[in-house]
């Protein structure tokens, strides 16, 4: 078994493979993640996303990679009925998430200046790509690609390992597995409990599929006595208030798993279960009282 670890996109990335003959594959994977971060990070002033967010009401030509991710965002915005919406950046910043999370103060006496509502919708972004990869950005529109860019990076890294028969890429919980795994029965993946000291919630085996978890229990901070987090409800522009604390989703791609997990958390259990079923995905919901609700076909139970 070969392995490599590195930190990029403010997360720890782990690559495992049953056939690791040299370090070239690890270097290719790392290069992919670093390139995605340079292009899509909102925290890098020179990134293409930062330049796009500065357009403010104009049209701009973008790279094919940016256009591809924006097209994916359009797709997921449509199938989730607007629940997935990358234009929540103003809400994130108003809640206090205006710099890389590892630089943020966990506690502050200064209250967050939360918006009265979501000012715009990603539906207003127009893509024109028949001859030009051009984007019309509405006034005030600013995007955050946090989770979907990580899933996108995992997929791109998997292409860099196309010649490797068995591997797993884990980017902070966005996981894609290919092949039969080290014991020939799939890759065994632990799903952590969102509660402090909670250990494992479940275990699953992945065979040529992806898993991702979205939770309000991570990336959270205290402002004037109020706990806030990074899951923004596009209907309000504020951190969502829900009885669901975490959702884990398995499906074909890392990008979809990331988007579906976040969207299902925002939707809540009944609607979220219906949504996942319609997409052919499976999910595990963990509620604030510790109750666990699994979708039909969930293949856990490995504890």
Protein backbone atom coordinates (compact mmCIF):
# COMPACT_ATOMS: atom_id res chain seq x y z
CA UNK A 1 0.00 0.00 0.00
CA UNK A 2 1.36 3.40 -0.97
CA UNK A 3 0.25 6.73 0.46
CA UNK A 4 0.91 10.44 0.22
CA UNK A 5 -0.42 13.36 2.26
CA UNK A 6 -0.25 17.10 1.78
CA UNK A 7 -2.18 20.21 2.75
CA UNK A 8 -3.82 22.41 0.15
CA UNK A 9 -7.11 24.35 -0.16
CA UNK A 10 -6.97 24.65 3.65
CA UNK A 11 -7.58 20.93 4.00
CA UNK A 12 -5.57 17.74 4.39
CA UNK A 13 -5.42 15.55 1.30
CA UNK A 14 -4.69 11.82 1.53
CA UNK A 15 -3.96 9.60 -1.47
CA UNK A 16 -3.89 5.81 -1.05
CA UNK A 17 -3.13 3.23 -3.71
CA UNK A 18 -2.40 -0.47 -3.85
CA UNK A 19 0.13 0.04 -6.67
CA UNK A 20 2.40 2.99 -5.95
CA UNK A 21 5.65 2.50 -7.83
CA UNK A 22 7.09 6.01 -7.56
CA UNK A 23 6.33 9.53 -6.40
CA UNK A 24 5.28 10.87 -9.77
CA UNK A 25 1.61 10.04 -9.25
CA UNK A 26 1.56 11.83 -5.89
CA UNK A 27 3.18 14.87 -7.46
CA UNK A 28 0.57 14.95 -10.23
CA UNK A 29 -2.26 14.81 -7.71
CA UNK A 30 -0.76 17.61 -5.65
CA UNK A 31 -0.24 19.73 -8.75
CA UNK A 32 -3.93 19.31 -9.65
CA UNK A 33 -5.11 20.50 -6.24
CA UNK A 34 -2.72 23.45 -6.23
CA UNK A 35 -3.91 24.51 -9.70
CA UNK A 36 -7.57 24.30 -8.64
CA UNK A 37 -6.82 26.40 -5.55
CA UNK A 38 -5.01 29.05 -7.60
CA UNK A 39 -7.97 29.35 -9.93
CA UNK A 40 -10.99 28.97 -7.65
CA UNK A 41 -10.02 30.24 -4.17
CA UNK A 42 -11.83 33.36 -3.01
CA UNK A 43 -9.01 33.97 -0.51
CA UNK A 44 -6.33 34.51 -3.17
CA UNK A 45 -6.54 38.05 -4.61
CA UNK A 46 -5.01 36.93 -7.89
CA UNK A 47 -7.27 33.93 -8.47
CA UNK A 48 -9.63 33.83 -11.42
CA UNK A 49 -12.58 33.64 -9.02
CA UNK A 50 -11.46 36.82 -7.24
CA UNK A 51 -11.20 38.55 -10.62
CA UNK A 52 -14.67 37.30 -11.59
CA UNK A 53 -16.13 38.52 -8.29
CA UNK A 54 -14.77 42.00 -9.05
CA UNK A 55 -16.61 42.26 -12.40
CA UNK A 56 -19.77 43.77 -10.82
CA UNK A 57 -22.43 43.96 -13.49
CA UNK A 58 -20.37 43.37 -16.60
CA UNK A 59 -19.51 40.58 -19.01
CA UNK A 60 -16.16 38.86 -18.87
CA UNK A 61 -14.45 36.07 -20.76
CA UNK A 62 -13.32 33.23 -18.52
CA UNK A 63 -11.09 30.18 -18.81
CA UNK A 64 -12.54 26.86 -20.03
CA UNK A 65 -12.02 25.47 -16.51
CA UNK A 66 -14.00 28.32 -14.94
CA UNK A 67 -16.71 27.98 -17.54
CA UNK A 68 -16.94 24.24 -16.91
CA UNK A 69 -17.38 24.74 -13.16
CA UNK A 70 -19.95 27.49 -13.71
CA UNK A 71 -21.88 25.15 -16.00
CA UNK A 72 -21.83 22.51 -13.27
CA UNK A 73 -23.10 25.11 -10.79
CA UNK A 74 -25.94 25.96 -13.17
CA UNK A 75 -26.87 22.29 -13.38
CA UNK A 76 -26.89 21.77 -9.61
CA UNK A 77 -28.69 25.06 -8.99
CA UNK A 78 -31.47 23.87 -11.32
CA UNK A 79 -31.90 20.32 -10.01
CA UNK A 80 -31.90 21.47 -6.36
CA UNK A 81 -34.50 24.15 -7.02
CA UNK A 82 -32.03 26.87 -6.05
CA UNK A 83 -30.97 25.26 -2.77
CA UNK A 84 -27.43 24.97 -4.09
CA UNK A 85 -26.38 28.54 -4.81
CA UNK A 86 -22.74 29.68 -4.95
CA UNK A 87 -23.79 33.35 -4.80
CA UNK A 88 -24.01 33.15 -0.97
CA UNK A 89 -20.57 34.76 -0.51
CA UNK A 90 -22.03 38.01 0.90
CA UNK A 91 -23.83 35.95 3.55
CA UNK A 92 -20.66 34.05 4.41
CA UNK A 93 -18.72 37.27 4.82
CA UNK A 94 -21.48 38.91 6.83
CA UNK A 95 -21.45 35.93 9.19
CA UNK A 96 -17.71 36.46 9.69
CA UNK A 97 -16.21 34.00 7.23
CA UNK A 98 -14.21 36.65 5.37
CA UNK A 99 -10.78 35.05 5.51
CA UNK A 100 -9.26 31.59 5.44
CA UNK A 101 -10.80 29.59 8.27
CA UNK A 102 -7.48 28.83 9.95
CA UNK A 103 -6.93 32.59 10.35
CA UNK A 104 -10.37 33.36 11.81
CA UNK A 105 -10.88 33.95 15.54
CA UNK A 106 -13.06 31.20 16.97
CA UNK A 107 -14.66 33.56 19.50
CA UNK A 108 -15.42 37.27 19.27
CA UNK A 109 -17.59 39.73 21.21
CA UNK A 110 -18.38 41.60 18.00
CA UNK A 111 -21.79 40.52 16.64
CA UNK A 112 -22.10 39.39 13.02
CA UNK A 113 -23.84 41.83 10.70
CA UNK A 114 -26.13 39.33 9.04
CA UNK A 115 -28.05 40.38 5.91
CA UNK A 116 -31.80 40.91 5.84
CA UNK A 117 -32.03 38.33 3.03
CA UNK A 118 -30.27 36.91 0.01
CA UNK A 119 -29.69 39.84 -2.36
CA UNK A 120 -29.26 37.86 -5.57
CA UNK A 121 -29.59 34.38 -7.05
CA UNK A 122 -27.16 32.40 -9.14
CA UNK A 123 -30.01 32.05 -11.63
CA UNK A 124 -29.20 35.62 -12.71
CA UNK A 125 -25.74 34.64 -13.96
CA UNK A 126 -25.73 34.19 -17.75
CA UNK A 127 -23.30 31.89 -19.55
CA UNK A 128 -22.59 32.33 -23.25
CA UNK A 129 -20.37 29.57 -24.54
CA UNK A 130 -21.23 28.76 -28.15
CA UNK A 131 -18.29 30.75 -29.48
CA UNK A 132 -16.95 32.43 -26.34
CA UNK A 133 -16.62 31.25 -22.76
CA UNK A 134 -18.23 34.46 -21.55
CA UNK A 135 -20.12 35.20 -18.35
CA UNK A 136 -22.58 38.00 -17.58
CA UNK A 137 -22.27 38.86 -13.88
CA UNK A 138 -25.18 40.79 -12.32
CA UNK A 139 -24.35 43.82 -10.16
CA UNK A 140 -23.21 42.79 -6.70
CA UNK A 141 -22.96 39.09 -7.61
CA UNK A 142 -20.06 37.39 -5.81
CA UNK A 143 -19.45 33.66 -5.73
CA UNK A 144 -17.95 31.10 -3.36
CA UNK A 145 -16.88 27.72 -4.71
CA UNK A 146 -15.78 26.21 -1.37
CA UNK A 147 -17.18 22.68 -1.44
CA UNK A 148 -17.83 22.18 -5.14
CA UNK A 149 -14.27 23.22 -6.03
CA UNK A 150 -12.94 20.58 -3.66
CA UNK A 151 -15.08 17.91 -5.30
CA UNK A 152 -13.98 19.21 -8.69
CA UNK A 153 -10.33 18.92 -7.61
CA UNK A 154 -10.85 15.32 -6.48
CA UNK A 155 -12.32 14.44 -9.88
CA UNK A 156 -9.46 16.15 -11.73
CA UNK A 157 -6.92 14.36 -9.52
CA UNK A 158 -8.58 11.03 -10.28
CA UNK A 159 -8.00 11.67 -13.98
CA UNK A 160 -4.32 12.17 -13.18
CA UNK A 161 -4.33 8.65 -11.70
CA UNK A 162 -6.17 7.07 -14.62
CA UNK A 163 -3.44 4.44 -15.11
CA UNK A 164 -3.58 3.33 -11.45
CA UNK A 165 -6.10 0.47 -10.99
CA UNK A 166 -6.89 0.96 -7.29
CA UNK A 167 -6.75 4.24 -5.42
CA UNK A 168 -8.59 6.48 -2.96
CA UNK A 169 -8.40 10.28 -2.74
CA UNK A 170 -9.62 11.95 0.45
CA UNK A 171 -9.74 15.74 0.49
CA UNK A 172 -11.06 16.61 3.93
CA UNK A 173 -13.94 14.15 3.67
CA UNK A 174 -14.62 14.51 -0.06
CA UNK A 175 -13.59 10.98 -1.06
CA UNK A 176 -13.40 9.19 -4.38
CA UNK A 177 -12.43 5.51 -4.59
CA UNK A 178 -11.55 3.47 -7.64
CA UNK A 179 -11.01 -0.26 -7.90
CA UNK A 180 -11.45 -3.09 -5.43
CA UNK A 181 -9.31 -1.72 -2.60
CA UNK A 182 -6.52 -3.39 -0.65
CA UNK A 183 -8.51 -6.48 0.34
CA UNK A 184 -10.50 -6.83 -2.88
CA UNK A 185 -13.79 -5.90 -1.19
CA UNK A 186 -13.82 -2.15 -1.74
CA UNK A 187 -12.29 0.69 0.25
CA UNK A 188 -13.46 0.81 3.87
CA UNK A 189 -14.34 4.40 4.84
CA UNK A 190 -15.22 5.63 8.33
CA UNK A 191 -17.98 8.23 8.76
CA UNK A 192 -17.21 10.37 11.79
CA UNK A 193 -19.88 11.40 14.25
CA UNK A 194 -20.41 15.19 14.17
CA UNK A 195 -20.58 15.27 17.97
CA UNK A 196 -17.52 15.91 20.10
CA UNK A 197 -16.10 12.60 21.26
CA UNK A 198 -18.71 10.76 19.22
CA UNK A 199 -16.31 8.47 17.40
CA UNK A 200 -17.70 6.78 14.30
CA UNK A 201 -21.28 7.06 13.10
CA UNK A 202 -20.94 4.33 10.50
CA UNK A 203 -18.62 2.60 8.05
CA UNK A 204 -19.14 1.97 4.37
CA UNK A 205 -17.24 0.30 1.55
CA UNK A 206 -16.69 2.26 -1.66
CA UNK A 207 -16.29 0.63 -5.03
CA UNK A 208 -15.85 3.08 -7.89
CA UNK A 209 -17.90 5.79 -6.19
CA UNK A 210 -17.63 8.86 -4.01
CA UNK A 211 -18.73 9.99 -0.57
CA UNK A 212 -18.95 13.44 1.01
CA UNK A 213 -20.23 14.85 4.29
CA UNK A 214 -21.72 18.26 4.99
CA UNK A 215 -22.05 19.33 8.61
CA UNK A 216 -22.77 22.37 10.74
CA UNK A 217 -20.49 20.98 13.48
CA UNK A 218 -17.29 21.93 11.63
CA UNK A 219 -16.12 25.35 10.49
CA UNK A 220 -18.16 27.19 13.06
CA UNK A 221 -17.42 30.20 15.23
CA UNK A 222 -18.89 32.21 18.10
CA UNK A 223 -19.93 35.84 17.58
CA UNK A 224 -21.37 37.76 20.54
CA UNK A 225 -22.71 34.56 22.10
CA UNK A 226 -24.17 33.15 18.88
CA UNK A 227 -22.74 30.11 17.13
CA UNK A 228 -22.49 30.56 13.36
CA UNK A 229 -21.31 28.22 10.62
CA UNK A 230 -20.53 28.06 6.91
CA UNK A 231 -23.75 26.44 5.61
CA UNK A 232 -25.65 29.45 4.27
CA UNK A 233 -29.34 29.20 3.42
CA UNK A 234 -29.74 31.03 0.07
CA UNK A 235 -33.35 31.86 1.00
CA UNK A 236 -32.22 34.02 3.94
CA UNK A 237 -28.52 34.72 3.38
CA UNK A 238 -27.83 33.46 6.93
CA UNK A 239 -26.37 30.25 8.40
CA UNK A 240 -29.12 27.65 8.22
CA UNK A 241 -31.01 26.68 11.35
CA UNK A 242 -31.89 22.99 11.11
CA UNK A 243 -32.43 19.87 13.18
CA UNK A 244 -30.01 18.10 10.82
CA UNK A 245 -26.41 18.44 11.97
CA UNK A 246 -24.74 16.34 9.26
CA UNK A 247 -25.49 14.54 6.00
CA UNK A 248 -23.27 12.00 4.28
CA UNK A 249 -23.97 11.10 0.65
CA UNK A 250 -22.60 8.41 -1.66
CA UNK A 251 -22.97 8.63 -5.43
CA UNK A 252 -20.96 8.38 -8.64
CA UNK A 253 -18.81 11.53 -8.48
CA UNK A 254 -17.13 13.59 -5.78
CA UNK A 255 -18.56 16.84 -7.12
CA UNK A 256 -22.12 15.54 -6.98
CA UNK A 257 -21.60 13.97 -3.55
CA UNK A 258 -20.41 17.29 -2.13
CA UNK A 259 -23.29 19.27 -3.64
CA UNK A 260 -25.93 16.68 -2.73
CA UNK A 261 -24.77 16.45 0.90
CA UNK A 262 -24.92 20.21 1.42
CA UNK A 263 -28.24 20.52 -0.40
CA UNK A 264 -29.83 17.65 1.55
CA UNK A 265 -28.73 19.26 4.83
CA UNK A 266 -30.38 22.52 3.78
CA UNK A 267 -33.55 20.69 2.69
CA UNK A 268 -33.98 18.66 5.87
CA UNK A 269 -34.91 14.99 6.20
CA UNK A 270 -38.19 14.46 4.29
CA UNK A 271 -37.36 16.67 1.31
CA UNK A 272 -33.68 15.71 1.39
CA UNK A 273 -34.49 12.00 1.23
CA UNK A 274 -36.80 12.55 -1.75
CA UNK A 275 -34.15 14.63 -3.48
CA UNK A 276 -31.40 12.02 -3.01
CA UNK A 277 -33.68 9.24 -4.23
CA UNK A 278 -34.49 11.25 -7.35
CA UNK A 279 -30.76 11.63 -8.08
CA UNK A 280 -30.00 7.95 -7.54
CA UNK A 281 -27.85 8.82 -4.51
CA UNK A 282 -27.87 7.41 -0.96
CA UNK A 283 -27.60 9.37 2.25
CA UNK A 284 -27.22 9.24 6.02
CA UNK A 285 -28.78 12.06 8.06
CA UNK A 286 -27.66 12.72 11.66
CA UNK A 287 -30.00 14.92 13.67
CA UNK A 288 -29.11 17.26 16.52
CA UNK A 289 -30.61 14.82 19.05
CA UNK A 290 -28.41 11.99 17.75
CA UNK A 291 -31.10 10.28 15.70
CA UNK A 292 -29.80 8.68 12.50
CA UNK A 293 -31.97 8.43 9.39
CA UNK A 294 -30.70 6.47 6.39
CA UNK A 295 -32.09 6.56 2.88
CA UNK A 296 -33.27 3.41 1.14
CA UNK A 297 -30.30 1.45 -0.15
CA UNK A 298 -27.80 2.96 2.27
CA UNK A 299 -24.99 0.40 2.48
CA UNK A 300 -23.56 1.16 5.90
CA UNK A 301 -23.58 -0.98 8.98
CA UNK A 302 -19.87 -1.74 8.89
CA UNK A 303 -19.26 -0.99 12.59
